[in-house]
Amino acid sequence: MCENHEALTHILEIADAQRVQRAADRTSEEVTWNGQFWTAFCRGARNEIYTSRITLVPRRAFNCNCQDRKRADQVGPCKHVISLAQAGLRQMAS
């Protein structure tokens, strides 16, 4: 399994089940892979736009500028990062 696929799958494995369900309502737009990281814009419930990123190089990490990711108690990926991981996997499969 390639490292890219493994990293995106890992995001889904560590994600909270409720966030995975809610991610189905979020669409990642302009999904790109530049050889080091995935990025996308994801529309929120109130039509706001969030920028999500999943980095593989130089080390694995994920981030989003949504309020959920900014909360001190939020340790796993937000629904926007989950949506990006799902979109990246779909893009790799096509």
Protein backbone atom coordinates (compact mmCIF):
# COMPACT_ATOMS: atom_id res chain seq x y z
CA MET A 1 0.00 0.00 0.00
CA CYS A 2 1.46 3.37 -0.91
CA GLU A 3 2.24 5.83 1.88
CA ASN A 4 -0.30 8.31 0.53
CA HIS A 5 -3.16 5.80 0.66
CA GLU A 6 -2.03 4.58 4.08
CA ALA A 7 -1.96 8.13 5.51
CA LEU A 8 -5.45 8.98 4.25
CA THR A 9 -6.84 5.67 5.50
CA HIS A 10 -5.24 6.30 8.90
CA ILE A 11 -7.14 9.62 9.17
CA LEU A 12 -10.40 7.70 8.74
CA GLU A 13 -9.35 5.01 11.24
CA ILE A 14 -8.62 7.50 14.03
CA ALA A 15 -11.68 9.67 13.33
CA ASP A 16 -14.61 9.86 15.69
CA ALA A 17 -17.57 7.88 14.25
CA GLN A 18 -19.97 10.82 14.64
CA ARG A 19 -17.62 13.12 12.73
CA VAL A 20 -17.31 10.53 9.95
CA GLN A 21 -21.12 10.51 9.63
CA ARG A 22 -21.26 14.31 9.59
CA ALA A 23 -18.44 14.47 7.03
CA ALA A 24 -20.82 12.87 4.52
CA ASP A 25 -22.68 16.21 4.45
CA ARG A 26 -19.48 18.11 3.58
CA THR A 27 -18.04 18.27 0.10
CA SER A 28 -14.35 18.94 -0.41
CA GLU A 29 -13.75 21.23 -3.37
CA GLU A 30 -10.57 21.90 -5.35
CA VAL A 31 -8.86 18.82 -3.90
CA THR A 32 -5.16 18.90 -4.76
CA TRP A 33 -2.08 16.79 -4.06
CA ASN A 34 1.28 18.49 -4.61
CA GLY A 35 3.60 15.64 -3.65
CA GLN A 36 3.80 16.71 0.00
CA PHE A 37 0.26 17.47 1.12
CA TRP A 38 -3.43 17.32 0.21
CA THR A 39 -5.49 20.50 0.42
CA ALA A 40 -9.13 21.32 -0.18
CA PHE A 41 -11.82 23.84 0.56
CA CYS A 42 -14.82 22.49 2.42
CA ARG A 43 -18.12 24.27 2.85
CA GLY A 44 -19.49 24.35 6.39
CA ALA A 45 -23.08 24.10 7.61
CA ARG A 46 -23.56 27.88 7.43
CA ASN A 47 -21.95 28.10 3.97
CA GLU A 48 -18.58 29.21 5.38
CA ILE A 49 -15.46 27.94 3.61
CA TYR A 50 -12.75 26.09 5.54
CA THR A 51 -9.30 25.14 4.31
CA SER A 52 -8.19 21.62 5.22
CA ARG A 53 -4.75 20.10 4.80
CA ILE A 54 -3.29 16.63 5.25
CA THR A 55 0.53 16.68 5.19
CA LEU A 56 2.71 13.65 4.52
CA VAL A 57 6.16 15.25 4.08
CA PRO A 58 8.24 15.98 6.12
CA ARG A 59 5.92 14.35 8.69
CA ARG A 60 2.29 13.32 8.82
CA ALA A 61 -0.12 15.92 10.17
CA PHE A 62 -3.56 17.36 9.49
CA ASN A 63 -5.09 20.76 10.04
CA CYS A 64 -8.18 22.85 9.34
CA ASN A 65 -9.11 26.43 10.15
CA CYS A 66 -12.56 25.50 11.50
CA GLN A 67 -13.65 26.12 15.09
CA ASP A 68 -13.74 22.39 15.86
CA ARG A 69 -9.99 22.02 15.19
CA LYS A 70 -9.24 25.10 17.32
CA ARG A 71 -10.89 23.62 20.44
CA ALA A 72 -8.35 22.47 23.01
CA ASP A 73 -10.14 19.14 23.60
CA GLN A 74 -10.35 18.22 19.90
CA VAL A 75 -7.63 15.64 19.27
CA GLY A 76 -8.84 13.81 16.16
CA PRO A 77 -9.61 15.06 12.68
CA CYS A 78 -12.57 17.37 12.14
CA LYS A 79 -15.26 16.53 9.58
CA HIS A 80 -13.58 18.77 6.98
CA VAL A 81 -10.28 16.85 7.23
CA ILE A 82 -12.26 13.59 7.09
CA SER A 83 -14.02 14.81 3.95
CA LEU A 84 -10.63 15.67 2.42
CA ALA A 85 -9.25 12.21 3.26
CA GLN A 86 -12.28 10.58 1.64
CA ALA A 87 -11.96 12.81 -1.44
CA GLY A 88 -8.23 12.06 -1.71
CA LEU A 89 -8.89 8.31 -1.61
CA ARG A 90 -11.57 8.67 -4.31
CA GLN A 91 -9.21 10.74 -6.44
CA MET A 92 -6.43 8.17 -6.09
CA ALA A 93 -8.83 5.36 -7.08
CA SER A 94 -9.96 7.03 -10.30
